[in-house]
Protein backbone atom coordinates (compact mmCIF):
# COMPACT_ATOMS: atom_id res chain seq x y z
CA MET A 1 0.00 0.00 0.00
CA SER A 2 1.23 3.48 -0.70
CA ASP A 3 1.46 6.26 1.81
CA SER A 4 -1.38 8.10 0.12
CA ASN A 5 -3.75 5.18 0.47
CA THR A 6 -7.23 6.47 1.22
CA THR A 7 -9.98 4.09 0.27
CA ASN A 8 -13.20 2.62 1.54
CA PHE A 9 -12.48 -0.37 3.77
CA THR A 10 -13.87 -1.52 7.09
CA ASN A 11 -10.86 -3.36 8.51
CA PRO A 12 -7.59 -2.64 6.71
CA SER A 13 -5.19 -5.55 6.29
CA THR A 14 -2.27 -3.34 7.27
CA PHE A 15 -1.47 0.01 8.78
CA ILE A 16 1.51 2.17 7.84
CA LEU A 17 3.56 3.70 10.65
CA LEU A 18 5.21 6.96 9.62
CA GLY A 19 7.88 6.82 12.32
CA ILE A 20 8.87 10.37 13.26
CA PRO A 21 7.67 12.61 10.40
CA GLY A 22 9.98 15.53 9.69
CA LEU A 23 13.09 13.92 11.15
CA GLU A 24 13.77 11.32 8.45
CA ALA A 25 17.22 12.77 7.79
CA ALA A 26 18.19 12.16 11.41
CA TYR A 27 16.89 8.57 11.63
CA VAL A 28 20.38 7.08 11.82
CA TRP A 29 21.41 9.26 14.75
CA ILE A 30 18.07 8.88 16.52
CA SER A 31 18.24 5.11 16.08
CA ILE A 32 21.71 5.01 17.65
CA GLY A 33 20.41 6.81 20.73
CA PHE A 34 17.26 4.69 20.98
CA CYS A 35 19.18 1.45 20.38
CA THR A 36 21.69 2.37 23.09
CA MET A 37 18.91 3.08 25.58
CA TYR A 38 17.20 -0.19 24.62
CA ILE A 39 20.38 -2.22 25.17
CA ILE A 40 20.97 -0.54 28.54
CA ALA A 41 17.36 -1.24 29.55
CA ILE A 42 17.55 -4.90 28.50
CA LEU A 43 20.92 -5.59 30.13
CA GLY A 44 20.16 -3.57 33.26
CA ASN A 45 16.81 -5.21 33.96
CA PHE A 46 18.14 -8.70 33.27
CA ILE A 47 20.98 -8.00 35.70
CA ILE A 48 18.48 -6.92 38.38
CA LEU A 49 16.50 -10.13 37.84
CA PHE A 50 19.64 -12.28 37.90
CA ILE A 51 21.03 -10.70 41.05
CA VAL A 52 17.78 -11.00 42.99
CA ARG A 53 17.27 -14.55 41.73
CA THR A 54 20.74 -15.77 42.72
CA GLU A 55 21.15 -13.90 46.03
CA PRO A 56 19.00 -15.43 48.83
CA SER A 57 19.45 -12.37 51.05
CA LEU A 58 17.54 -10.31 48.46
CA HIS A 59 14.46 -12.52 48.56
CA GLY A 60 12.34 -9.90 50.29
CA PRO A 61 9.39 -7.58 49.52
CA MET A 62 11.31 -4.56 48.21
CA TYR A 63 13.40 -6.67 45.84
CA TYR A 64 10.39 -8.60 44.58
CA PHE A 65 8.88 -5.22 43.72
CA LEU A 66 12.01 -4.43 41.71
CA CYS A 67 11.72 -7.75 39.86
CA MET A 68 8.13 -6.94 38.88
CA LEU A 69 9.31 -3.56 37.66
CA ALA A 70 12.16 -5.16 35.66
CA VAL A 71 9.86 -7.67 33.92
CA THR A 72 7.41 -4.90 33.02
CA ASP A 73 10.23 -2.75 31.64
CA LEU A 74 11.49 -5.62 29.47
CA VAL A 75 8.06 -6.22 27.94
CA LEU A 76 7.27 -2.53 27.51
CA THR A 77 10.48 -1.67 25.64
CA THR A 78 10.41 -4.83 23.50
CA SER A 79 6.83 -4.17 22.39
CA THR A 80 7.87 -0.98 20.55
CA LEU A 81 11.63 -0.72 19.94
CA PRO A 82 12.20 -3.60 17.45
CA LYS A 83 9.50 -2.26 15.12
CA LEU A 84 10.71 1.32 15.54
CA LEU A 85 14.28 0.32 14.65
CA SER A 86 13.03 -1.58 11.60
CA ILE A 87 11.37 1.66 10.45
CA PHE A 88 14.61 3.59 10.95
CA TRP A 89 16.95 1.03 9.38
CA PHE A 90 14.89 -0.83 6.76
CA ASN A 91 11.95 1.52 6.08
CA SER A 92 9.70 -1.37 7.17
CA ARG A 93 6.65 0.69 8.01
CA GLU A 94 3.80 -1.72 7.38
CA ILE A 95 2.23 -3.51 10.32
CA GLU A 96 -0.62 -6.02 10.16
CA PHE A 97 -3.98 -4.86 11.53
CA SER A 98 -4.02 -7.60 14.18
CA ALA A 99 -0.36 -6.98 15.05
CA CYS A 100 -1.10 -3.28 15.44
CA LEU A 101 -3.93 -3.95 17.88
CA THR A 102 -1.71 -6.44 19.73
CA GLN A 103 1.04 -3.84 20.03
CA LEU A 104 -1.54 -1.28 21.13
CA PHE A 105 -2.70 -3.63 23.88
CA PHE A 106 0.81 -4.45 25.11
CA VAL A 107 1.97 -0.83 25.07
CA HIS A 108 -0.99 0.48 27.04
CA CYS A 109 -1.43 -2.58 29.25
CA PHE A 110 2.19 -2.67 30.38
CA SER A 111 2.32 1.10 30.56
CA GLY A 112 -0.63 0.80 32.94
CA ILE A 113 1.16 -1.97 34.82
CA GLU A 114 4.29 0.19 34.86
CA SER A 115 2.19 2.97 36.31
CA GLY A 116 0.88 0.45 38.79
CA ILE A 117 4.43 -0.54 39.70
CA LEU A 118 5.59 3.06 39.73
CA SER A 119 2.49 3.99 41.68
CA GLY A 120 0.41 1.10 42.98
CA ILE A 121 3.49 -1.02 43.69
CA PHE A 122 5.33 2.21 44.44
CA VAL A 123 2.63 2.88 47.00
CA ALA A 124 3.55 -0.51 48.37
CA MET A 125 7.19 0.56 48.27
CA ALA A 126 6.20 3.70 50.13
CA LEU A 127 4.43 1.47 52.62
CA ASP A 128 7.59 -0.63 52.72
CA ARG A 129 9.66 2.43 53.63
CA TYR A 130 6.98 3.72 56.00
CA VAL A 131 6.76 0.43 57.90
CA ALA A 132 10.55 0.11 57.98
CA ILE A 133 10.85 3.63 59.42
CA CYS A 134 7.80 3.85 61.68
CA ASN A 135 7.12 0.26 62.69
CA PRO A 136 10.36 -1.66 62.17
CA LEU A 137 9.35 -4.35 64.67
CA ARG A 138 6.23 -5.14 62.59
CA TYR A 139 8.02 -4.98 59.22
CA SER A 140 8.23 -8.74 58.65
CA THR A 141 4.60 -9.30 59.64
CA ILE A 142 3.03 -6.52 57.53
CA LEU A 143 4.92 -6.83 54.24
CA THR A 144 5.07 -10.58 53.71
CA ASN A 145 5.75 -12.45 50.48
CA PRO A 146 2.05 -13.40 50.10
CA MET A 147 1.18 -9.71 50.46
CA VAL A 148 3.69 -8.85 47.72
CA ALA A 149 2.13 -11.51 45.47
CA LYS A 150 -1.36 -10.11 46.06
CA ILE A 151 -0.23 -6.56 45.27
CA GLY A 152 1.50 -7.71 42.08
CA LEU A 153 -1.53 -9.72 40.97
CA ALA A 154 -3.85 -6.78 41.64
CA VAL A 155 -1.67 -4.44 39.57
CA VAL A 156 -1.48 -6.88 36.65
CA LEU A 157 -5.22 -7.57 36.67
CA ARG A 158 -5.97 -3.85 36.84
CA GLY A 159 -3.78 -3.20 33.80
CA ILE A 160 -5.29 -6.04 31.78
CA MET A 161 -8.93 -5.37 32.61
CA LEU A 162 -8.74 -1.63 31.98
CA ILE A 163 -6.92 -1.94 28.63
CA LEU A 164 -8.82 -4.92 27.18
CA PRO A 165 -11.56 -2.60 25.77
CA TYR A 166 -8.93 -0.72 23.69
CA PRO A 167 -8.33 -3.40 21.02
CA PHE A 168 -11.93 -4.61 21.31
CA LEU A 169 -13.25 -1.17 20.40
CA GLY A 170 -10.53 -0.85 17.77
CA THR A 171 -11.89 -3.85 15.89
CA ARG A 172 -15.44 -2.46 15.89
CA TRP A 173 -14.71 0.90 14.23
CA PRO A 174 -14.95 1.17 10.43
CA TYR A 175 -11.74 2.53 8.88
CA CYS A 176 -12.46 4.33 5.63
CA ARG A 177 -10.18 7.36 5.67
CA THR A 178 -6.60 6.16 5.54
CA ASN A 179 -4.40 3.44 6.95
CA ILE A 180 -1.51 5.80 7.72
CA ILE A 181 -0.72 6.23 11.42
CA PRO A 182 1.31 9.41 12.04
CA HIS A 183 3.24 7.77 14.86
CA SER A 184 6.10 5.34 15.48
CA TYR A 185 3.92 2.72 17.16
CA CYS A 186 0.23 1.87 17.44
CA GLU A 187 -0.91 4.35 20.06
CA HIS A 188 -4.58 4.13 21.05
CA ILE A 189 -5.84 7.57 20.04
CA ALA A 190 -3.62 7.70 16.93
CA VAL A 191 -5.28 4.49 15.69
CA VAL A 192 -8.92 5.26 16.50
CA LYS A 193 -8.62 8.71 14.92
CA LEU A 194 -8.42 6.89 11.58
CA ALA A 195 -11.97 5.58 12.01
CA CYS A 196 -14.79 7.17 10.04
CA ALA A 197 -17.20 6.99 12.98
CA ASP A 198 -17.91 8.74 16.23
CA ILE A 199 -14.98 7.71 18.44
CA SER A 200 -16.19 9.58 21.53
CA LEU A 201 -16.52 6.31 23.42
CA SER A 202 -12.85 5.42 22.87
CA SER A 203 -11.72 8.95 23.61
CA TYR A 204 -13.69 9.31 26.82
CA TYR A 205 -12.76 5.83 27.97
CA GLY A 206 -9.08 6.65 27.39
CA LEU A 207 -9.44 9.76 29.54
CA PHE A 208 -11.25 7.73 32.20
CA VAL A 209 -8.45 5.13 32.31
CA ALA A 210 -5.74 7.81 32.42
CA PHE A 211 -7.34 9.70 35.29
CA LEU A 212 -8.36 6.55 37.15
CA VAL A 213 -4.93 4.93 36.98
CA ARG A 214 -2.48 7.80 37.07
CA GLY A 215 -4.67 10.27 38.96
CA LEU A 216 -5.47 7.93 41.83
CA ASP A 217 -1.94 6.54 41.84
CA MET A 218 -0.44 10.01 42.20
CA ILE A 219 -2.84 10.74 45.07
CA PHE A 220 -1.82 7.52 46.81
CA ILE A 221 1.86 8.30 46.28
CA ALA A 222 1.43 11.81 47.69
CA LEU A 223 -0.39 10.48 50.77
CA SER A 224 2.19 7.75 51.29
CA TYR A 225 5.12 10.13 51.08
CA THR A 226 3.43 12.62 53.33
CA GLN A 227 3.47 9.93 55.99
CA ILE A 228 7.08 9.05 55.18
CA LEU A 229 8.22 12.68 55.42
CA ARG A 230 6.42 13.04 58.75
CA ALA A 231 8.26 9.96 59.98
CA ILE A 232 11.60 11.22 58.67
CA PHE A 233 11.30 14.64 60.31
CA SER A 234 10.35 13.03 63.59
CA LEU A 235 13.73 11.27 63.78
CA PRO A 236 15.96 12.69 66.53
CA THR A 237 19.17 13.57 64.62
CA LYS A 238 20.02 15.23 61.34
CA ASP A 239 22.23 12.33 60.27
CA ALA A 240 19.39 9.88 60.84
CA ARG A 241 17.02 12.05 58.80
CA LEU A 242 19.48 12.35 55.91
CA LYS A 243 20.23 8.63 55.91
CA THR A 244 16.56 7.71 55.96
CA PHE A 245 15.66 10.20 53.25
CA GLY A 246 18.40 8.69 51.11
CA THR A 247 16.57 5.36 51.14
CA CYS A 248 13.61 7.03 49.41
CA SER A 249 15.45 9.33 46.99
CA SER A 250 15.79 6.71 44.24
CA HIS A 251 12.06 6.07 44.46
CA LEU A 252 11.32 9.76 43.92
CA CYS A 253 13.69 9.95 40.93
CA VAL A 254 11.95 7.06 39.17
CA ILE A 255 8.52 8.57 39.81
CA LEU A 256 9.61 11.88 38.25
CA ALA A 257 11.26 10.13 35.29
CA PHE A 258 8.04 8.25 34.54
CA TYR A 259 5.28 10.75 35.26
CA ILE A 260 6.70 14.00 33.87
CA PRO A 261 7.21 12.84 30.23
CA GLY A 262 4.10 10.65 30.47
CA LEU A 263 1.95 13.59 31.55
CA PHE A 264 3.45 15.80 28.86
CA SER A 265 2.81 13.17 26.18
CA PHE A 266 -0.77 12.65 27.35
CA LEU A 267 -1.60 16.37 27.39
CA THR A 268 0.05 17.22 24.08
CA HIS A 269 -1.65 14.32 22.28
CA ARG A 270 -5.10 15.56 23.28
CA PHE A 271 -4.71 19.29 23.79
CA GLY A 272 -1.33 20.38 22.41
CA HIS A 273 -2.37 20.94 18.81
CA ASN A 274 0.37 23.54 18.35
CA VAL A 275 3.12 21.17 19.49
CA PRO A 276 5.15 19.89 16.49
CA LEU A 277 4.27 16.28 15.66
CA HIS A 278 7.87 15.08 15.65
CA PHE A 279 8.44 16.57 19.12
CA HIS A 280 5.38 14.83 20.51
CA ILE A 281 6.41 11.47 19.03
CA LEU A 282 9.93 11.84 20.43
CA ILE A 283 8.50 12.51 23.89
CA ALA A 284 6.12 9.55 23.55
CA ASN A 285 9.08 7.27 22.77
CA MET A 286 11.20 8.71 25.55
CA TYR A 287 8.30 8.03 27.91
CA LEU A 288 8.52 4.34 27.02
CA LEU A 289 12.33 4.18 26.95
CA VAL A 290 13.80 6.40 29.63
CA PRO A 291 12.18 4.89 32.77
CA PRO A 292 13.07 1.28 31.80
CA MET A 293 16.64 2.44 31.18
CA LEU A 294 16.91 4.46 34.39
CA ASN A 295 15.21 2.01 36.77
CA PRO A 296 18.05 -0.56 36.95
CA ILE A 297 20.69 2.19 36.97
CA ILE A 298 19.05 4.12 39.80
CA TYR A 299 18.33 1.07 41.91
CA GLY A 300 21.64 -0.59 41.09
CA VAL A 301 23.57 2.48 42.20
CA SER A 302 21.47 3.51 45.19
CA THR A 303 20.65 0.07 46.63
CA ARG A 304 23.77 -1.02 48.49
CA ARG A 305 22.98 -4.73 48.59
CA ILE A 306 22.37 -4.92 44.84
CA ARG A 307 25.47 -2.83 44.13
CA ASP A 308 27.63 -4.97 46.42
CA ARG A 309 26.35 -8.19 44.85
CA LEU A 310 27.03 -6.86 41.33
CA LEU A 311 30.57 -5.83 42.27
CA GLN A 312 31.12 -9.26 43.81
CA LEU A 313 29.97 -10.95 40.60
CA LEU A 314 32.26 -8.73 38.50
CA LYS A 315 35.26 -9.48 40.71
CA THR A 316 34.53 -13.20 40.57
CA HIS A 317 34.23 -13.11 36.78
CA LYS A 318 37.41 -11.07 36.47
CA GLY A 319 39.26 -13.47 38.75
CA THR A 320 38.36 -16.45 36.59
């Protein structure tokens, strides 16, 4: 199909992803940056999983949370980057209709799960820090492994159930305008905008999901950290306050790295009509790439037990 394909069809056999329109001349350099971030994300998250798996002392609630985050990051980046790189390197822009809806589901489902981990599970992490600071004697009885499993299951089910209507509605709309998606991956609103029907249901449901997931999660995070800050400032010495605040600083960095570009991407896609398209698409890709790349770096550097175990493995490998 050509890029100018506009015909009367109900369900197109393929869609055409434009990549990042307006920056075609810079595809090689952009792909180098994206590929580097992808490799760092893959290696970093696999290292986190390997270290936690092989070190019995890390088999605890906080580290299980990190494993859930690592698995989500691996799926989220892999659902978009291979296709994006094929657009950059081989001009392979066509994607099957069913594959597009599958990618749409995985991107939004695991983005929702990521939000759940960086919010719902991060709320649990906040609870983890709060219990460790305020009720250290009850730590092992409140945050147990079964509790971690229940939190993880709830986050996954929430992501799946809320996003399942996206591809279902996508198959019901008639597409008779064009099969060209002005994006680098199958984003929900970018796809349904191609339908020649009233897409208010999809649009309003997307807003509902965004506010329900991210809005409530941000409220829960704010409430959790309010309690943590109260606990920190109640500590008797300045050194104790600084040390305790340091245990939460990595958590705050990851939250900012995820929510700031995500919020910007969400607002510009719906309301930022004057924002250049290539800038919006770049931000949308950074939103899916930067947090998965930063998560293992931030936690690997700031979490002493993970850092020590990694250094031990490197020394052992070097010695052999």
